[in-house]
Amino acid sequence: MNIQKLTELDFENNRIEIYDKDNNLLKVIEPYAVESCMNPGTFKITPIRIEKTKDSIVFISENIRTEIKKQDIESGDIEVKVSEFIPQRRKAKSNCTKCTNCGRCSW
């Protein structure tokens, strides 16, 4: 994906996948999603932020910074793909003993 298109995307509903030139997945960067404990399946999503510097693009998600050199993208050594982000509901632990009526176990 070209650098200009990458900076114009809405990252609240998208995740970033970084591949090397041999199409090996190097890293996945996703928006930060927090599930409501009282309303399972309801998420607060903090999108990925992008900072551009002279020589690189920095992706920031949940205070984790991933820097990619612009020349690596332009030369084809690194490929950046964007896919849909769907937050996943976490399963309740089987050993829950302190019930907070979160609704995850359908109790």
N, C-alpha and C. Protein backbone atom coordinates (compact mmCIF):
# COMPACT_ATOMS: atom_id res chain seq x y z
N MET A 1 0.85 -1.17 0.00
CA MET A 1 0.00 0.00 0.00
C MET A 1 0.90 1.23 0.00
N ASN A 2 0.50 2.23 -0.75
CA ASN A 2 1.35 3.41 -0.80
C ASN A 2 1.17 4.26 0.46
N ILE A 3 2.20 5.03 0.78
CA ILE A 3 2.27 5.78 2.04
C ILE A 3 1.14 6.79 2.16
N GLN A 4 0.78 7.47 1.10
CA GLN A 4 -0.29 8.48 1.15
C GLN A 4 -1.63 7.84 1.51
N LYS A 5 -1.97 6.72 0.87
CA LYS A 5 -3.24 6.04 1.18
C LYS A 5 -3.27 5.55 2.62
N LEU A 6 -2.13 5.09 3.11
CA LEU A 6 -2.02 4.57 4.46
C LEU A 6 -2.36 5.62 5.50
N THR A 7 -1.93 6.85 5.29
CA THR A 7 -2.17 7.90 6.28
C THR A 7 -3.58 8.46 6.21
N GLU A 8 -4.34 8.12 5.18
CA GLU A 8 -5.70 8.64 5.03
C GLU A 8 -6.77 7.69 5.58
N LEU A 9 -6.39 6.48 5.99
CA LEU A 9 -7.36 5.48 6.43
C LEU A 9 -7.89 5.75 7.83
N ASP A 10 -9.10 5.25 8.09
CA ASP A 10 -9.70 5.29 9.42
C ASP A 10 -9.27 4.02 10.15
N PHE A 11 -8.46 4.17 11.19
CA PHE A 11 -7.92 3.00 11.87
C PHE A 11 -8.75 2.53 13.05
N GLU A 12 -9.92 3.11 13.27
CA GLU A 12 -10.78 2.60 14.34
C GLU A 12 -11.34 1.24 13.95
N ASN A 13 -11.57 1.04 12.66
CA ASN A 13 -12.15 -0.22 12.19
C ASN A 13 -11.17 -1.05 11.36
N ASN A 14 -9.89 -0.68 11.39
CA ASN A 14 -8.89 -1.40 10.61
C ASN A 14 -7.69 -1.77 11.45
N ARG A 15 -7.04 -2.85 11.05
CA ARG A 15 -5.77 -3.25 11.67
C ARG A 15 -4.70 -3.26 10.60
N ILE A 16 -3.46 -3.22 11.01
CA ILE A 16 -2.33 -3.16 10.09
C ILE A 16 -1.54 -4.44 10.19
N GLU A 17 -1.19 -5.00 9.04
CA GLU A 17 -0.35 -6.19 8.98
C GLU A 17 0.91 -5.81 8.21
N ILE A 18 2.06 -6.14 8.77
CA ILE A 18 3.33 -5.81 8.15
C ILE A 18 4.00 -7.10 7.69
N TYR A 19 4.35 -7.15 6.40
CA TYR A 19 4.96 -8.33 5.79
C TYR A 19 6.33 -7.98 5.23
N ASP A 20 7.21 -8.98 5.17
CA ASP A 20 8.48 -8.76 4.49
C ASP A 20 8.31 -9.07 3.00
N LYS A 21 9.40 -8.96 2.23
CA LYS A 21 9.29 -9.15 0.78
C LYS A 21 8.97 -10.58 0.39
N ASP A 22 9.17 -11.55 1.31
CA ASP A 22 8.83 -12.95 1.05
C ASP A 22 7.43 -13.29 1.53
N ASN A 23 6.65 -12.26 1.87
CA ASN A 23 5.26 -12.39 2.32
C ASN A 23 5.13 -13.11 3.68
N ASN A 24 6.16 -12.99 4.52
CA ASN A 24 6.10 -13.50 5.88
C ASN A 24 5.54 -12.41 6.80
N LEU A 25 4.57 -12.76 7.61
CA LEU A 25 3.97 -11.80 8.53
C LEU A 25 4.96 -11.45 9.62
N LEU A 26 5.29 -10.14 9.73
CA LEU A 26 6.23 -9.70 10.74
C LEU A 26 5.54 -9.18 11.99
N LYS A 27 4.45 -8.44 11.79
CA LYS A 27 3.78 -7.82 12.94
C LYS A 27 2.35 -7.46 12.58
N VAL A 28 1.48 -7.54 13.60
CA VAL A 28 0.09 -7.10 13.47
C VAL A 28 -0.12 -5.98 14.48
N ILE A 29 -0.66 -4.88 14.02
CA ILE A 29 -0.95 -3.74 14.89
C ILE A 29 -2.45 -3.53 14.87
N GLU A 30 -3.08 -3.59 16.04
CA GLU A 30 -4.54 -3.47 16.12
C GLU A 30 -4.92 -2.30 17.01
N PRO A 31 -6.12 -1.74 16.78
CA PRO A 31 -6.62 -0.74 17.71
C PRO A 31 -6.74 -1.34 19.10
N TYR A 32 -6.72 -0.51 20.12
CA TYR A 32 -6.84 -0.97 21.49
C TYR A 32 -8.33 -1.06 21.82
N ALA A 33 -8.79 -2.26 22.17
CA ALA A 33 -10.22 -2.48 22.44
C ALA A 33 -10.40 -2.96 23.87
N VAL A 34 -11.32 -2.31 24.60
CA VAL A 34 -11.64 -2.70 25.97
C VAL A 34 -13.11 -3.05 26.01
N GLU A 35 -13.40 -4.27 26.48
CA GLU A 35 -14.78 -4.73 26.57
C GLU A 35 -15.40 -4.25 27.87
N SER A 36 -16.63 -3.80 27.81
CA SER A 36 -17.37 -3.40 29.01
C SER A 36 -17.66 -4.63 29.85
N CYS A 37 -17.31 -4.58 31.14
CA CYS A 37 -17.53 -5.75 31.99
C CYS A 37 -19.01 -5.95 32.30
N MET A 38 -19.79 -4.90 32.28
CA MET A 38 -21.22 -5.03 32.58
C MET A 38 -22.07 -5.23 31.33
N ASN A 39 -21.50 -4.99 30.18
CA ASN A 39 -22.20 -5.18 28.91
C ASN A 39 -21.30 -5.94 27.94
N PRO A 40 -21.14 -7.25 28.16
CA PRO A 40 -20.26 -8.03 27.29
C PRO A 40 -20.63 -7.87 25.82
N GLY A 41 -19.61 -7.75 25.00
CA GLY A 41 -19.83 -7.56 23.57
C GLY A 41 -19.82 -6.10 23.17
N THR A 42 -19.81 -5.18 24.15
CA THR A 42 -19.72 -3.75 23.88
C THR A 42 -18.28 -3.32 24.14
N PHE A 43 -17.66 -2.70 23.13
CA PHE A 43 -16.25 -2.35 23.21
C PHE A 43 -16.04 -0.85 23.09
N LYS A 44 -15.04 -0.35 23.81
CA LYS A 44 -14.53 1.01 23.60
C LYS A 44 -13.25 0.82 22.80
N ILE A 45 -13.18 1.43 21.64
CA ILE A 45 -12.03 1.21 20.75
C ILE A 45 -11.23 2.51 20.60
N THR A 46 -9.93 2.39 20.86
CA THR A 46 -9.01 3.51 20.64
C THR A 46 -8.22 3.19 19.38
N PRO A 47 -8.40 3.99 18.31
CA PRO A 47 -7.77 3.66 17.03
C PRO A 47 -6.25 3.80 17.05
N ILE A 48 -5.62 3.21 16.05
CA ILE A 48 -4.18 3.34 15.84
C ILE A 48 -3.90 4.78 15.42
N ARG A 49 -2.83 5.34 15.97
CA ARG A 49 -2.41 6.68 15.55
C ARG A 49 -1.19 6.54 14.66
N ILE A 50 -1.04 7.50 13.75
CA ILE A 50 0.10 7.50 12.84
C ILE A 50 0.84 8.83 12.97
N GLU A 51 2.15 8.73 13.11
CA GLU A 51 3.01 9.91 13.09
C GLU A 51 3.97 9.74 11.92
N LYS A 52 4.12 10.80 11.14
CA LYS A 52 5.06 10.76 10.02
C LYS A 52 6.27 11.60 10.38
N THR A 53 7.45 11.04 10.17
CA THR A 53 8.69 11.80 10.31
C THR A 53 9.30 11.93 8.93
N LYS A 54 10.44 12.54 8.87
CA LYS A 54 11.11 12.73 7.58
C LYS A 54 11.41 11.40 6.88
N ASP A 55 11.86 10.41 7.67
CA ASP A 55 12.32 9.15 7.08
C ASP A 55 11.45 7.94 7.38
N SER A 56 10.43 8.09 8.24
CA SER A 56 9.68 6.91 8.64
C SER A 56 8.22 7.22 8.97
N ILE A 57 7.47 6.15 9.16
CA ILE A 57 6.09 6.23 9.62
C ILE A 57 6.04 5.46 10.93
N VAL A 58 5.41 6.05 11.94
CA VAL A 58 5.32 5.42 13.25
C VAL A 58 3.85 5.12 13.52
N PHE A 59 3.55 3.85 13.82
CA PHE A 59 2.21 3.42 14.19
C PHE A 59 2.18 3.28 15.71
N ILE A 60 1.17 3.85 16.35
CA ILE A 60 1.07 3.80 17.81
C ILE A 60 -0.27 3.21 18.20
N SER A 61 -0.21 2.13 19.00
CA SER A 61 -1.41 1.50 19.53
C SER A 61 -1.13 1.12 20.97
N GLU A 62 -1.92 1.63 21.89
CA GLU A 62 -1.79 1.33 23.32
C GLU A 62 -0.35 1.58 23.80
N ASN A 63 0.20 2.71 23.43
CA ASN A 63 1.56 3.12 23.81
C ASN A 63 2.66 2.20 23.27
N ILE A 64 2.34 1.37 22.31
CA ILE A 64 3.35 0.55 21.63
C ILE A 64 3.64 1.21 20.29
N ARG A 65 4.90 1.56 20.09
CA ARG A 65 5.31 2.26 18.87
C ARG A 65 6.01 1.30 17.92
N THR A 66 5.58 1.33 16.66
CA THR A 66 6.22 0.52 15.62
C THR A 66 6.64 1.47 14.51
N GLU A 67 7.94 1.52 14.26
CA GLU A 67 8.47 2.45 13.26
C GLU A 67 8.89 1.68 12.01
N ILE A 68 8.48 2.18 10.86
CA ILE A 68 8.84 1.59 9.58
C ILE A 68 9.46 2.67 8.72
N LYS A 69 10.60 2.36 8.14
CA LYS A 69 11.29 3.31 7.26
C LYS A 69 10.52 3.45 5.95
N LYS A 70 10.36 4.68 5.51
CA LYS A 70 9.66 4.94 4.24
C LYS A 70 10.36 4.27 3.07
N GLN A 71 11.69 4.25 3.09
CA GLN A 71 12.43 3.64 1.96
C GLN A 71 12.19 2.14 1.90
N ASP A 72 11.93 1.48 3.05
CA ASP A 72 11.62 0.04 3.04
C ASP A 72 10.28 -0.23 2.36
N ILE A 73 9.32 0.66 2.58
CA ILE A 73 8.00 0.52 1.95
C ILE A 73 8.11 0.79 0.45
N GLU A 74 8.79 1.87 0.11
CA GLU A 74 8.92 2.26 -1.30
C GLU A 74 9.72 1.25 -2.11
N SER A 75 10.72 0.61 -1.50
CA SER A 75 11.55 -0.37 -2.22
C SER A 75 10.88 -1.74 -2.33
N GLY A 76 9.83 -1.96 -1.53
CA GLY A 76 9.14 -3.24 -1.56
C GLY A 76 9.68 -4.26 -0.56
N ASP A 77 10.66 -3.85 0.25
CA ASP A 77 11.18 -4.76 1.28
C ASP A 77 10.15 -5.02 2.37
N ILE A 78 9.30 -4.05 2.61
CA ILE A 78 8.22 -4.16 3.60
C ILE A 78 6.91 -3.84 2.89
N GLU A 79 5.90 -4.67 3.14
CA GLU A 79 4.58 -4.40 2.59
C GLU A 79 3.61 -4.22 3.75
N VAL A 80 2.82 -3.17 3.67
CA VAL A 80 1.84 -2.87 4.71
C VAL A 80 0.46 -3.15 4.13
N LYS A 81 -0.29 -4.02 4.82
CA LYS A 81 -1.65 -4.34 4.39
C LYS A 81 -2.61 -3.92 5.49
N VAL A 82 -3.81 -3.56 5.08
CA VAL A 82 -4.84 -3.15 6.03
C VAL A 82 -6.00 -4.12 5.91
N SER A 83 -6.50 -4.58 7.06
CA SER A 83 -7.66 -5.46 7.06
C SER A 83 -8.63 -5.01 8.13
N GLU A 84 -9.83 -5.54 8.07
CA GLU A 84 -10.88 -5.14 9.02
C GLU A 84 -10.54 -5.62 10.42
N PHE A 85 -10.76 -4.75 11.42
CA PHE A 85 -10.54 -5.11 12.81
C PHE A 85 -11.88 -5.44 13.46
N ILE A 86 -11.95 -6.66 14.00
CA ILE A 86 -13.16 -7.09 14.71
C ILE A 86 -12.72 -7.47 16.12
N PRO A 87 -13.11 -6.67 17.13
CA PRO A 87 -12.70 -7.01 18.50
C PRO A 87 -13.30 -8.34 18.92
N GLN A 88 -12.51 -9.12 19.64
CA GLN A 88 -12.93 -10.45 20.06
C GLN A 88 -13.36 -10.43 21.52
N ARG A 89 -14.46 -11.06 21.79
CA ARG A 89 -14.95 -11.17 23.15
C ARG A 89 -14.16 -12.27 23.86
N ARG A 90 -13.64 -11.93 25.02
CA ARG A 90 -12.86 -12.90 25.79
C ARG A 90 -13.80 -13.81 26.55
N LYS A 91 -13.44 -15.08 26.60
CA LYS A 91 -14.23 -16.05 27.34
C LYS A 91 -14.00 -15.88 28.83
N ALA A 92 -15.04 -16.14 29.61
CA ALA A 92 -14.89 -16.11 31.06
C ALA A 92 -14.03 -17.28 31.50
N LYS A 93 -13.26 -17.07 32.53
CA LYS A 93 -12.43 -18.15 33.06
C LYS A 93 -13.32 -19.21 33.67
N SER A 94 -12.94 -20.45 33.53
CA SER A 94 -13.76 -21.54 34.06
C SER A 94 -13.74 -21.57 35.58
N ASN A 95 -12.78 -20.92 36.18
CA ASN A 95 -12.70 -20.93 37.63
C ASN A 95 -13.14 -19.60 38.27
N CYS A 96 -14.07 -18.89 37.63
CA CYS A 96 -14.58 -17.65 38.22
C CYS A 96 -15.26 -17.98 39.55
N THR A 97 -14.87 -17.29 40.58
CA THR A 97 -15.51 -17.53 41.88
C THR A 97 -16.09 -16.26 42.47
N LYS A 98 -15.58 -15.11 42.12
CA LYS A 98 -16.10 -13.85 42.63
C LYS A 98 -16.97 -13.23 41.55
N CYS A 99 -18.26 -13.56 41.59
CA CYS A 99 -19.16 -13.12 40.54
C CYS A 99 -19.45 -11.65 40.63
N THR A 100 -19.32 -10.97 39.49
CA THR A 100 -19.67 -9.56 39.41
C THR A 100 -20.82 -9.36 38.43
N ASN A 101 -21.51 -10.44 38.10
CA ASN A 101 -22.62 -10.41 37.15
C ASN A 101 -22.24 -9.78 35.83
N CYS A 102 -21.08 -10.16 35.33
CA CYS A 102 -20.60 -9.57 34.08
C CYS A 102 -21.35 -10.11 32.88
N GLY A 103 -21.98 -11.27 33.00
CA GLY A 103 -22.75 -11.81 31.89
C GLY A 103 -22.01 -12.74 30.97
N ARG A 104 -20.71 -12.89 31.14
CA ARG A 104 -19.92 -13.71 30.22
C ARG A 104 -20.27 -15.20 30.30
N CYS A 105 -20.68 -15.66 31.47
CA CYS A 105 -20.96 -17.11 31.60
C CYS A 105 -22.44 -17.40 31.51
N SER A 106 -23.25 -16.39 31.21
CA SER A 106 -24.71 -16.53 31.11
C SER A 106 -25.34 -16.96 32.43
N TRP A 107 -24.73 -16.63 33.50
CA TRP A 107 -25.24 -16.99 34.83
C TRP A 107 -26.40 -16.12 35.22
